């Protein structure tokens, strides 16, 4: 028998973007907002190139960018990033997914 595996779908991995996200989380926890924003923006750019614009990891970058903008006092920018994250989650995960419902609730409460 000559059996060979066939991969129909593979998920691209990007260790550089993962490292940038982890470093950005540390910077955000330490209150270094400009450095965290730079790291998350760079990870966002890399992930869009590697995975495409509609991927759940890109949505996670939008969530972290929204957190940084919220802590910096830019509510309009934070809401815009949350909205991007919500759109990506709706299209990637579906309307009935737990994360999508949670993002709907967070976006609703940011307007209240």
PDB file of N, CA and C in Angstrom:
ATOM      1  N   UNK A   1       0.830  -1.181   0.000  1.00  0.00           N
ATOM      2  CA  UNK A   1       0.000   0.000   0.000  1.00  0.00           C
ATOM      3  C   UNK A   1       0.875   1.246   0.000  1.00  0.00           C
ATOM      4  N   UNK A   2       0.471   2.172  -0.791  1.00  0.00           N
ATOM      5  CA  UNK A   2       1.177   3.440  -0.862  1.00  0.00           C
ATOM      6  C   UNK A   2       0.236   4.543  -0.377  1.00  0.00           C
ATOM      7  N   UNK A   3       0.141   4.713   0.939  1.00  0.00           N
ATOM      8  CA  UNK A   3      -0.752   5.708   1.525  1.00  0.00           C
ATOM      9  C   UNK A   3       0.009   6.998   1.797  1.00  0.00           C
ATOM     10  N   UNK A   4      -0.582   8.101   1.403  1.00  0.00           N
ATOM     11  CA  UNK A   4       0.010   9.408   1.668  1.00  0.00           C
ATOM     12  C   UNK A   4      -1.048  10.315   2.273  1.00  0.00           C
ATOM     13  N   UNK A   5      -0.708  11.024   3.329  1.00  0.00           N
ATOM     14  CA  UNK A   5      -1.710  11.908   3.945  1.00  0.00           C
ATOM     15  C   UNK A   5      -2.010  13.108   3.043  1.00  0.00           C
ATOM     16  N   UNK A   6      -3.251  13.516   3.081  1.00  0.00           N
ATOM     17  CA  UNK A   6      -3.687  14.684   2.320  1.00  0.00           C
ATOM     18  C   UNK A   6      -4.242  15.694   3.316  1.00  0.00           C
ATOM     19  N   UNK A   7      -3.739  16.898   3.274  1.00  0.00           N
ATOM     20  CA  UNK A   7      -4.209  17.950   4.164  1.00  0.00           C
ATOM     21  C   UNK A   7      -5.152  18.843   3.376  1.00  0.00           C
ATOM     22  N   UNK A   8      -6.393  18.918   3.818  1.00  0.00           N
ATOM     23  CA  UNK A   8      -7.366  19.748   3.122  1.00  0.00           C
ATOM     24  C   UNK A   8      -7.415  21.159   3.694  1.00  0.00           C
ATOM     25  N   UNK A   9      -7.048  21.286   4.935  1.00  0.00           N
ATOM     26  CA  UNK A   9      -7.089  22.603   5.561  1.00  0.00           C
ATOM     27  C   UNK A   9      -6.033  22.643   6.658  1.00  0.00           C
ATOM     28  N   UNK A  10      -5.203  23.641   6.617  1.00  0.00           N
ATOM     29  CA  UNK A  10      -4.218  23.795   7.685  1.00  0.00           C
ATOM     30  C   UNK A  10      -4.295  25.223   8.218  1.00  0.00           C
ATOM     31  N   UNK A  11      -4.053  25.354   9.490  1.00  0.00           N
ATOM     32  CA  UNK A  11      -4.099  26.657  10.134  1.00  0.00           C
ATOM     33  C   UNK A  11      -2.682  27.202  10.198  1.00  0.00           C
ATOM     34  N   UNK A  12      -2.425  28.338   9.548  1.00  0.00           N
ATOM     35  CA  UNK A  12      -1.069  28.885   9.604  1.00  0.00           C
ATOM     36  C   UNK A  12      -0.760  29.409  11.006  1.00  0.00           C
ATOM     37  N   UNK A  13       0.447  29.171  11.440  1.00  0.00           N
ATOM     38  CA  UNK A  13       0.892  29.632  12.744  1.00  0.00           C
ATOM     39  C   UNK A  13       1.941  30.716  12.552  1.00  0.00           C
ATOM     40  N   UNK A  14       1.917  31.698  13.415  1.00  0.00           N
ATOM     41  CA  UNK A  14       2.887  32.777  13.328  1.00  0.00           C
ATOM     42  C   UNK A  14       3.454  33.032  14.722  1.00  0.00           C
ATOM     43  N   UNK A  15       4.624  32.484  14.972  1.00  0.00           N
ATOM     44  CA  UNK A  15       5.230  32.619  16.302  1.00  0.00           C
ATOM     45  C   UNK A  15       5.660  34.057  16.580  1.00  0.00           C
ATOM     46  N   UNK A  16       6.032  34.793  15.538  1.00  0.00           N
ATOM     47  CA  UNK A  16       6.445  36.189  15.744  1.00  0.00           C
ATOM     48  C   UNK A  16       5.266  37.029  16.255  1.00  0.00           C
ATOM     49  N   UNK A  17       4.096  36.846  15.664  1.00  0.00           N
ATOM     50  CA  UNK A  17       2.913  37.594  16.112  1.00  0.00           C
ATOM     51  C   UNK A  17       2.523  37.169  17.529  1.00  0.00           C
ATOM     52  N   UNK A  18       2.652  35.884  17.831  1.00  0.00           N
ATOM     53  CA  UNK A  18       2.330  35.397  19.180  1.00  0.00           C
ATOM     54  C   UNK A  18       3.259  36.023  20.212  1.00  0.00           C
ATOM     55  N   UNK A  19       4.547  36.113  19.882  1.00  0.00           N
ATOM     56  CA  UNK A  19       5.502  36.750  20.794  1.00  0.00           C
ATOM     57  C   UNK A  19       5.186  38.234  20.983  1.00  0.00           C
ATOM     58  N   UNK A  20       4.807  38.910  19.898  1.00  0.00           N
ATOM     59  CA  UNK A  20       4.439  40.324  19.998  1.00  0.00           C
ATOM     60  C   UNK A  20       3.210  40.509  20.884  1.00  0.00           C
ATOM     61  N   UNK A  21       2.232  39.619  20.743  1.00  0.00           N
ATOM     62  CA  UNK A  21       1.036  39.699  21.584  1.00  0.00           C
ATOM     63  C   UNK A  21       1.373  39.500  23.058  1.00  0.00           C
ATOM     64  N   UNK A  22       2.200  38.516  23.348  1.00  0.00           N
ATOM     65  CA  UNK A  22       2.567  38.249  24.743  1.00  0.00           C
ATOM     66  C   UNK A  22       3.341  39.429  25.344  1.00  0.00           C
ATOM     67  N   UNK A  23       4.262  39.991  24.571  1.00  0.00           N
ATOM     68  CA  UNK A  23       5.012  41.150  25.048  1.00  0.00           C
ATOM     69  C   UNK A  23       4.082  42.346  25.233  1.00  0.00           C
ATOM     70  N   UNK A  24       3.144  42.507  24.308  1.00  0.00           N
ATOM     71  CA  UNK A  24       2.174  43.599  24.422  1.00  0.00           C
ATOM     72  C   UNK A  24       1.304  43.465  25.652  1.00  0.00           C
ATOM     73  N   UNK A  25       0.911  42.234  25.999  1.00  0.00           N
ATOM     74  CA  UNK A  25       0.115  42.015  27.211  1.00  0.00           C
ATOM     75  C   UNK A  25       0.892  42.432  28.455  1.00  0.00           C
ATOM     76  N   UNK A  26       2.182  42.102  28.475  1.00  0.00           N
ATOM     77  CA  UNK A  26       3.026  42.485  29.619  1.00  0.00           C
ATOM     78  C   UNK A  26       3.125  44.004  29.706  1.00  0.00           C
ATOM     79  N   UNK A  27       3.334  44.657  28.555  1.00  0.00           N
ATOM     80  CA  UNK A  27       3.436  46.117  28.536  1.00  0.00           C
ATOM     81  C   UNK A  27       2.124  46.758  28.987  1.00  0.00           C
ATOM     82  N   UNK A  28       0.997  46.200  28.567  1.00  0.00           N
ATOM     83  CA  UNK A  28      -0.306  46.720  28.974  1.00  0.00           C
ATOM     84  C   UNK A  28      -0.499  46.564  30.472  1.00  0.00           C
ATOM     85  N   UNK A  29      -0.107  45.421  31.016  1.00  0.00           N
ATOM     86  CA  UNK A  29      -0.240  45.194  32.459  1.00  0.00           C
ATOM     87  C   UNK A  29       0.631  46.151  33.264  1.00  0.00           C
ATOM     88  N   UNK A  30       1.770  46.554  32.699  1.00  0.00           N
ATOM     89  CA  UNK A  30       2.664  47.481  33.388  1.00  0.00           C
ATOM     90  C   UNK A  30       2.266  48.943  33.169  1.00  0.00           C
ATOM     91  N   UNK A  31       1.252  49.180  32.343  1.00  0.00           N
ATOM     92  CA  UNK A  31       0.776  50.536  32.113  1.00  0.00           C
ATOM     93  C   UNK A  31       1.520  51.291  31.023  1.00  0.00           C
ATOM     94  N   UNK A  32       2.329  50.603  30.253  1.00  0.00           N
ATOM     95  CA  UNK A  32       3.067  51.240  29.161  1.00  0.00           C
ATOM     96  C   UNK A  32       2.208  51.164  27.899  1.00  0.00           C
ATOM     97  N   UNK A  33       1.275  52.102  27.788  1.00  0.00           N
ATOM     98  CA  UNK A  33       0.248  52.029  26.758  1.00  0.00           C
ATOM     99  C   UNK A  33       0.777  52.239  25.349  1.00  0.00           C
ATOM    100  N   UNK A  34       1.690  53.183  25.160  1.00  0.00           N
ATOM    101  CA  UNK A  34       2.182  53.442  23.802  1.00  0.00           C
ATOM    102  C   UNK A  34       2.982  52.250  23.271  1.00  0.00           C
ATOM    103  N   UNK A  35       3.788  51.629  24.135  1.00  0.00           N
ATOM    104  CA  UNK A  35       4.550  50.463  23.708  1.00  0.00           C
ATOM    105  C   UNK A  35       3.617  49.290  23.409  1.00  0.00           C
ATOM    106  N   UNK A  36       2.603  49.104  24.263  1.00  0.00           N
ATOM    107  CA  UNK A  36       1.639  48.029  24.047  1.00  0.00           C
ATOM    108  C   UNK A  36       0.880  48.244  22.741  1.00  0.00           C
ATOM    109  N   UNK A  37       0.478  49.488  22.475  1.00  0.00           N
ATOM    110  CA  UNK A  37      -0.247  49.781  21.237  1.00  0.00           C
ATOM    111  C   UNK A  37       0.617  49.471  20.014  1.00  0.00           C
ATOM    112  N   UNK A  38       1.884  49.831  20.086  1.00  0.00           N
ATOM    113  CA  UNK A  38       2.798  49.561  18.977  1.00  0.00           C
ATOM    114  C   UNK A  38       2.947  48.056  18.742  1.00  0.00           C
ATOM    115  N   UNK A  39       3.104  47.292  19.806  1.00  0.00           N
ATOM    116  CA  UNK A  39       3.268  45.843  19.691  1.00  0.00           C
ATOM    117  C   UNK A  39       2.003  45.177  19.148  1.00  0.00           C
ATOM    118  N   UNK A  40       0.843  45.584  19.664  1.00  0.00           N
ATOM    119  CA  UNK A  40      -0.410  45.006  19.186  1.00  0.00           C
ATOM    120  C   UNK A  40      -0.678  45.384  17.733  1.00  0.00           C
ATOM    121  N   UNK A  41      -0.335  46.598  17.349  1.00  0.00           N
ATOM    122  CA  UNK A  41      -0.526  47.024  15.957  1.00  0.00           C
ATOM    123  C   UNK A  41       0.355  46.222  15.014  1.00  0.00           C
ATOM    124  N   UNK A  42       1.579  45.974  15.435  1.00  0.00           N
ATOM    125  CA  UNK A  42       2.489  45.189  14.605  1.00  0.00           C
ATOM    126  C   UNK A  42       2.011  43.739  14.494  1.00  0.00           C
ATOM    127  N   UNK A  43       1.541  43.175  15.603  1.00  0.00           N
ATOM    128  CA  UNK A  43       0.999  41.815  15.575  1.00  0.00           C
ATOM    129  C   UNK A  43      -0.242  41.753  14.683  1.00  0.00           C
ATOM    130  N   UNK A  44      -1.078  42.789  14.751  1.00  0.00           N
ATOM    131  CA  UNK A  44      -2.272  42.871  13.913  1.00  0.00           C
ATOM    132  C   UNK A  44      -1.895  42.843  12.441  1.00  0.00           C
ATOM    133  N   UNK A  45      -0.889  43.631  12.076  1.00  0.00           N
ATOM    134  CA  UNK A  45      -0.441  43.698  10.686  1.00  0.00           C
ATOM    135  C   UNK A  45       0.115  42.360  10.207  1.00  0.00           C
ATOM    136  N   UNK A  46       0.929  41.737  11.041  1.00  0.00           N
ATOM    137  CA  UNK A  46       1.528  40.449  10.669  1.00  0.00           C
ATOM    138  C   UNK A  46       0.451  39.376  10.530  1.00  0.00           C
ATOM    139  N   UNK A  47      -0.481  39.332  11.487  1.00  0.00           N
ATOM    140  CA  UNK A  47      -1.523  38.307  11.429  1.00  0.00           C
ATOM    141  C   UNK A  47      -2.427  38.486  10.221  1.00  0.00           C
ATOM    142  N   UNK A  48      -2.700  39.725   9.833  1.00  0.00           N
ATOM    143  CA  UNK A  48      -3.511  39.945   8.640  1.00  0.00           C
ATOM    144  C   UNK A  48      -2.810  39.403   7.394  1.00  0.00           C
ATOM    145  N   UNK A  49      -1.493  39.535   7.360  1.00  0.00           N
ATOM    146  CA  UNK A  49      -0.749  39.026   6.211  1.00  0.00           C
ATOM    147  C   UNK A  49      -0.656  37.501   6.214  1.00  0.00           C
ATOM    148  N   UNK A  50      -0.533  36.912   7.399  1.00  0.00           N
ATOM    149  CA  UNK A  50      -0.345  35.464   7.491  1.00  0.00           C
ATOM    150  C   UNK A  50      -1.680  34.713   7.412  1.00  0.00           C
ATOM    151  N   UNK A  51      -2.668  35.155   8.182  1.00  0.00           N
ATOM    152  CA  UNK A  51      -3.932  34.415   8.281  1.00  0.00           C
ATOM    153  C   UNK A  51      -5.043  35.008   7.434  1.00  0.00           C
ATOM    154  N   UNK A  52      -4.883  36.248   6.998  1.00  0.00           N
ATOM    155  CA  UNK A  52      -5.958  36.941   6.293  1.00  0.00           C
ATOM    156  C   UNK A  52      -6.726  37.816   7.265  1.00  0.00           C
ATOM    157  N   UNK A  53      -7.512  38.755   6.750  1.00  0.00           N
ATOM    158  CA  UNK A  53      -8.187  39.708   7.631  1.00  0.00           C
ATOM    159  C   UNK A  53      -9.326  39.112   8.446  1.00  0.00           C
ATOM    160  N   UNK A  54      -9.912  38.006   8.012  1.00  0.00           N
ATOM    161  CA  UNK A  54     -11.032  37.411   8.730  1.00  0.00           C
ATOM    162  C   UNK A  54     -10.580  36.147   9.452  1.00  0.00           C
ATOM    163  N   UNK A  55      -9.922  36.339  10.584  1.00  0.00           N
ATOM    164  CA  UNK A  55      -9.434  35.220  11.385  1.00  0.00           C
ATOM    165  C   UNK A  55      -9.604  35.590  12.846  1.00  0.00           C
ATOM    166  N   UNK A  56      -9.871  34.601  13.687  1.00  0.00           N
ATOM    167  CA  UNK A  56     -10.138  34.881  15.092  1.00  0.00           C
ATOM    168  C   UNK A  56      -8.923  35.481  15.810  1.00  0.00           C
ATOM    169  N   UNK A  57      -7.704  35.195  15.357  1.00  0.00           N
ATOM    170  CA  UNK A  57      -6.527  35.795  15.988  1.00  0.00           C
ATOM    171  C   UNK A  57      -6.427  37.282  15.671  1.00  0.00           C
ATOM    172  N   UNK A  58      -6.866  37.674  14.489  1.00  0.00           N
ATOM    173  CA  UNK A  58      -6.918  39.092  14.135  1.00  0.00           C
ATOM    174  C   UNK A  58      -7.951  39.785  15.034  1.00  0.00           C
ATOM    175  N   UNK A  59      -9.061  39.100  15.300  1.00  0.00           N
ATOM    176  CA  UNK A  59     -10.079  39.647  16.205  1.00  0.00           C
ATOM    177  C   UNK A  59      -9.501  39.843  17.608  1.00  0.00           C
ATOM    178  N   UNK A  60      -8.661  38.923  18.066  1.00  0.00           N
ATOM    179  CA  UNK A  60      -8.029  39.076  19.378  1.00  0.00           C
ATOM    180  C   UNK A  60      -7.134  40.312  19.414  1.00  0.00           C
ATOM    181  N   UNK A  61      -6.424  40.571  18.323  1.00  0.00           N
ATOM    182  CA  UNK A  61      -5.595  41.779  18.258  1.00  0.00           C
ATOM    183  C   UNK A  61      -6.461  43.021  18.368  1.00  0.00           C
ATOM    184  N   UNK A  62      -7.615  43.001  17.694  1.00  0.00           N
ATOM    185  CA  UNK A  62      -8.537  44.139  17.788  1.00  0.00           C
ATOM    186  C   UNK A  62      -8.997  44.337  19.230  1.00  0.00           C
ATOM    187  N   UNK A  63      -9.229  43.241  19.938  1.00  0.00           N
ATOM    188  CA  UNK A  63      -9.655  43.344  21.337  1.00  0.00           C
ATOM    189  C   UNK A  63      -8.573  43.990  22.192  1.00  0.00           C
ATOM    190  N   UNK A  64      -7.322  43.581  21.997  1.00  0.00           N
ATOM    191  CA  UNK A  64      -6.240  44.175  22.775  1.00  0.00           C
ATOM    192  C   UNK A  64      -6.009  45.632  22.403  1.00  0.00           C
ATOM    193  N   UNK A  65      -6.137  45.960  21.133  1.00  0.00           N
ATOM    194  CA  UNK A  65      -6.023  47.367  20.725  1.00  0.00           C
ATOM    195  C   UNK A  65      -7.133  48.190  21.369  1.00  0.00           C
ATOM    196  N   UNK A  66      -8.338  47.628  21.446  1.00  0.00           N
ATOM    197  CA  UNK A  66      -9.451  48.328  22.100  1.00  0.00           C
ATOM    198  C   UNK A  66      -9.155  48.560  23.577  1.00  0.00           C
ATOM    199  N   UNK A  67      -8.550  47.576  24.229  1.00  0.00           N
ATOM    200  CA  UNK A  67      -8.201  47.740  25.647  1.00  0.00           C
ATOM    201  C   UNK A  67      -7.209  48.872  25.850  1.00  0.00           C
ATOM    202  N   UNK A  68      -6.194  48.916  24.994  1.00  0.00           N
ATOM    203  CA  UNK A  68      -5.185  49.972  25.104  1.00  0.00           C
ATOM    204  C   UNK A  68      -5.824  51.337  24.878  1.00  0.00           C
ATOM    205  N   UNK A  69      -6.653  51.442  23.853  1.00  0.00           N
ATOM    206  CA  UNK A  69      -7.300  52.726  23.560  1.00  0.00           C
ATOM    207  C   UNK A  69      -8.249  53.138  24.679  1.00  0.00           C
ATOM    208  N   UNK A  70      -8.939  52.176  25.276  1.00  0.00           N
ATOM    209  CA  UNK A  70      -9.824  52.486  26.401  1.00  0.00           C
ATOM    210  C   UNK A  70      -9.028  53.046  27.573  1.00  0.00           C
ATOM    211  N   UNK A  71      -7.925  52.393  27.912  1.00  0.00           N
ATOM    212  CA  UNK A  71      -7.099  52.853  29.033  1.00  0.00           C
ATOM    213  C   UNK A  71      -6.436  54.198  28.734  1.00  0.00           C
ATOM    214  N   UNK A  72      -6.237  54.483  27.450  1.00  0.00           N
ATOM    215  CA  UNK A  72      -5.647  55.767  27.064  1.00  0.00           C
ATOM    216  C   UNK A  72      -6.692  56.878  27.015  1.00  0.00           C
ATOM    217  N   UNK A  73      -7.969  56.519  27.148  1.00  0.00           N
ATOM    218  CA  UNK A  73      -9.032  57.523  27.153  1.00  0.00           C
ATOM    219  C   UNK A  73      -9.643  57.793  25.790  1.00  0.00           C
ATOM    220  N   UNK A  74      -9.274  57.033  24.777  1.00  0.00           N
ATOM    221  CA  UNK A  74      -9.818  57.206  23.426  1.00  0.00           C
ATOM    222  C   UNK A  74     -11.003  56.259  23.261  1.00  0.00           C
ATOM    223  N   UNK A  75     -12.173  56.702  23.727  1.00  0.00           N
ATOM    224  CA  UNK A  75     -13.354  55.844  23.699  1.00  0.00           C
ATOM    225  C   UNK A  75     -13.822  55.558  22.274  1.00  0.00           C
ATOM    226  N   UNK A  76     -13.758  56.552  21.390  1.00  0.00           N
ATOM    227  CA  UNK A  76     -14.202  56.356  20.011  1.00  0.00           C
ATOM    228  C   UNK A  76     -13.332  55.311  19.310  1.00  0.00           C
ATOM    229  N   UNK A  77     -12.029  55.386  19.509  1.00  0.00           N
ATOM    230  CA  UNK A  77     -11.122  54.402  18.916  1.00  0.00           C
ATOM    231  C   UNK A  77     -11.333  53.013  19.490  1.00  0.00           C
ATOM    232  N   UNK A  78     -11.584  52.951  20.805  1.00  0.00           N
ATOM    233  CA  UNK A  78     -11.818  51.659  21.453  1.00  0.00           C
ATOM    234  C   UNK A  78     -13.093  51.011  20.922  1.00  0.00           C
ATOM    235  N   UNK A  79     -14.147  51.809  20.757  1.00  0.00           N
ATOM    236  CA  UNK A  79     -15.409  51.278  20.232  1.00  0.00           C
ATOM    237  C   UNK A  79     -15.234  50.825  18.791  1.00  0.00           C
ATOM    238  N   UNK A  80     -14.456  51.562  18.014  1.00  0.00           N
ATOM    239  CA  UNK A  80     -14.202  51.169  16.630  1.00  0.00           C
ATOM    240  C   UNK A  80     -13.487  49.815  16.573  1.00  0.00           C
ATOM    241  N   UNK A  81     -12.484  49.620  17.432  1.00  0.00           N
ATOM    242  CA  UNK A  81     -11.765  48.338  17.465  1.00  0.00           C
ATOM    243  C   UNK A  81     -12.677  47.207  17.937  1.00  0.00           C
ATOM    244  N   UNK A  82     -13.544  47.499  18.921  1.00  0.00           N
ATOM    245  CA  UNK A  82     -14.490  46.487  19.387  1.00  0.00           C
ATOM    246  C   UNK A  82     -15.444  46.091  18.257  1.00  0.00           C
ATOM    247  N   UNK A  83     -15.856  47.075  17.485  1.00  0.00           N
ATOM    248  CA  UNK A  83     -16.764  46.801  16.375  1.00  0.00           C
ATOM    249  C   UNK A  83     -16.085  45.924  15.319  1.00  0.00           C
ATOM    250  N   UNK A  84     -14.819  46.206  15.018  1.00  0.00           N
ATOM    251  CA  UNK A  84     -14.066  45.361  14.087  1.00  0.00           C
ATOM    252  C   UNK A  84     -13.992  43.929  14.611  1.00  0.00           C
ATOM    253  N   UNK A  85     -13.683  43.804  15.893  1.00  0.00           N
ATOM    254  CA  UNK A  85     -13.582  42.474  16.501  1.00  0.00           C
ATOM    255  C   UNK A  85     -14.906  41.730  16.400  1.00  0.00           C
ATOM    256  N   UNK A  86     -15.997  42.438  16.653  1.00  0.00           N
ATOM    257  CA  UNK A  86     -17.318  41.826  16.592  1.00  0.00           C
ATOM    258  C   UNK A  86     -17.636  41.333  15.183  1.00  0.00           C
ATOM    259  N   UNK A  87     -17.340  42.132  14.177  1.00  0.00           N
ATOM    260  CA  UNK A  87     -17.606  41.740  12.795  1.00  0.00           C
ATOM    261  C   UNK A  87     -16.803  40.489  12.425  1.00  0.00           C
ATOM    262  N   UNK A  88     -15.528  40.471  12.802  1.00  0.00           N
ATOM    263  CA  UNK A  88     -14.692  39.311  12.490  1.00  0.00           C
ATOM    264  C   UNK A  88     -15.212  38.067  13.212  1.00  0.00           C
ATOM    265  N   UNK A  89     -15.580  38.207  14.490  1.00  0.00           N
ATOM    266  CA  UNK A  89     -16.108  37.058  15.235  1.00  0.00           C
ATOM    267  C   UNK A  89     -17.413  36.551  14.629  1.00  0.00           C
ATOM    268  N   UNK A  90     -18.285  37.474  14.207  1.00  0.00           N
ATOM    269  CA  UNK A  90     -19.544  37.049  13.598  1.00  0.00           C
ATOM    270  C   UNK A  90     -19.296  36.228  12.343  1.00  0.00           C
ATOM    271  N   UNK A  91     -18.352  36.656  11.533  1.00  0.00           N
ATOM    272  CA  UNK A  91     -18.103  35.978  10.264  1.00  0.00           C
ATOM    273  C   UNK A  91     -17.291  34.699  10.434  1.00  0.00           C
ATOM    274  N   UNK A  92     -16.383  34.680  11.402  1.00  0.00           N
ATOM    275  CA  UNK A  92     -15.521  33.499  11.581  1.00  0.00           C
ATOM    276  C   UNK A  92     -16.160  32.445  12.478  1.00  0.00           C
ATOM    277  N   UNK A  93     -16.756  32.887  13.570  1.00  0.00           N
ATOM    278  CA  UNK A  93     -17.272  31.947  14.562  1.00  0.00           C
ATOM    279  C   UNK A  93     -18.772  31.712  14.442  1.00  0.00           C
ATOM    280  N   UNK A  94     -19.494  32.665  13.859  1.00  0.00           N
ATOM    281  CA  UNK A  94     -20.939  32.553  13.744  1.00  0.00           C
ATOM    282  C   UNK A  94     -21.646  33.390  14.784  1.00  0.00           C
ATOM    283  N   UNK A  95     -22.911  33.682  14.497  1.00  0.00           N
ATOM    284  CA  UNK A  95     -23.697  34.536  15.395  1.00  0.00           C
ATOM    285  C   UNK A  95     -24.029  33.869  16.726  1.00  0.00           C
ATOM    286  N   UNK A  96     -24.104  32.552  16.741  1.00  0.00           N
ATOM    287  CA  UNK A  96     -24.512  31.852  17.949  1.00  0.00           C
ATOM    288  C   UNK A  96     -23.344  31.378  18.809  1.00  0.00           C
ATOM    289  N   UNK A  97     -22.127  31.780  18.482  1.00  0.00           N
ATOM    290  CA  UNK A  97     -20.956  31.380  19.265  1.00  0.00           C
ATOM    291  C   UNK A  97     -20.882  32.209  20.549  1.00  0.00           C
ATOM    292  N   UNK A  98     -20.376  31.618  21.604  1.00  0.00           N
ATOM    293  CA  UNK A  98     -20.286  32.279  22.906  1.00  0.00           C
ATOM    294  C   UNK A  98     -19.445  33.553  22.841  1.00  0.00           C
ATOM    295  N   UNK A  99     -18.300  33.512  22.168  1.00  0.00           N
ATOM    296  CA  UNK A  99     -17.446  34.694  22.072  1.00  0.00           C
ATOM    297  C   UNK A  99     -18.147  35.835  21.339  1.00  0.00           C
ATOM    298  N   UNK A 100     -18.897  35.517  20.297  1.00  0.00           N
ATOM    299  CA  UNK A 100     -19.621  36.542  19.551  1.00  0.00           C
ATOM    300  C   UNK A 100     -20.679  37.190  20.435  1.00  0.00           C
ATOM    301  N   UNK A 101     -21.418  36.381  21.179  1.00  0.00           N
ATOM    302  CA  UNK A 101     -22.437  36.923  22.082  1.00  0.00           C
ATOM    303  C   UNK A 101     -21.799  37.797  23.159  1.00  0.00           C
ATOM    304  N   UNK A 102     -20.658  37.370  23.674  1.00  0.00           N
ATOM    305  CA  UNK A 102     -19.958  38.145  24.696  1.00  0.00           C
ATOM    306  C   UNK A 102     -19.502  39.486  24.137  1.00  0.00           C
ATOM    307  N   UNK A 103     -19.000  39.505  22.905  1.00  0.00           N
ATOM    308  CA  UNK A 103     -18.551  40.757  22.277  1.00  0.00           C
ATOM    309  C   UNK A 103     -19.725  41.691  22.010  1.00  0.00           C
ATOM    310  N   UNK A 104     -20.899  41.125  21.659  1.00  0.00           N
ATOM    311  CA  UNK A 104     -22.101  41.945  21.496  1.00  0.00           C
ATOM    312  C   UNK A 104     -22.431  42.643  22.816  1.00  0.00           C
ATOM    313  N   UNK A 105     -22.364  41.895  23.905  1.00  0.00           N
ATOM    314  CA  UNK A 105     -22.694  42.461  25.220  1.00  0.00           C
ATOM    315  C   UNK A 105     -21.683  43.552  25.597  1.00  0.00           C
ATOM    316  N   UNK A 106     -20.392  43.315  25.356  1.00  0.00           N
ATOM    317  CA  UNK A 106     -19.388  44.317  25.696  1.00  0.00           C
ATOM    318  C   UNK A 106     -19.578  45.590  24.892  1.00  0.00           C
ATOM    319  N   UNK A 107     -19.899  45.452  23.611  1.00  0.00           N
ATOM    320  CA  UNK A 107     -20.099  46.629  22.770  1.00  0.00           C
ATOM    321  C   UNK A 107     -21.354  47.377  23.221  1.00  0.00           C
ATOM    322  N   UNK A 108     -22.406  46.644  23.609  1.00  0.00           N
ATOM    323  CA  UNK A 108     -23.619  47.281  24.093  1.00  0.00           C
ATOM    324  C   UNK A 108     -23.350  48.080  25.364  1.00  0.00           C
ATOM    325  N   UNK A 109     -22.621  47.488  26.298  1.00  0.00           N
ATOM    326  CA  UNK A 109     -22.365  48.164  27.567  1.00  0.00           C
ATOM    327  C   UNK A 109     -21.393  49.325  27.425  1.00  0.00           C
ATOM    328  N   UNK A 110     -20.620  49.365  26.336  1.00  0.00           N
ATOM    329  CA  UNK A 110     -19.739  50.509  26.155  1.00  0.00           C
ATOM    330  C   UNK A 110     -20.523  51.749  25.729  1.00  0.00           C
ATOM    331  N   UNK A 111     -21.744  51.558  25.197  1.00  0.00           N
ATOM    332  CA  UNK A 111     -22.587  52.693  24.819  1.00  0.00           C
ATOM    333  C   UNK A 111     -23.457  53.159  25.978  1.00  0.00           C
ATOM    334  N   UNK A 112     -23.620  52.321  27.001  1.00  0.00           N
ATOM    335  CA  UNK A 112     -24.507  52.674  28.127  1.00  0.00           C
ATOM    336  C   UNK A 112     -23.833  53.621  29.076  1.00  0.00           C
TER     337      UNK A 112
END
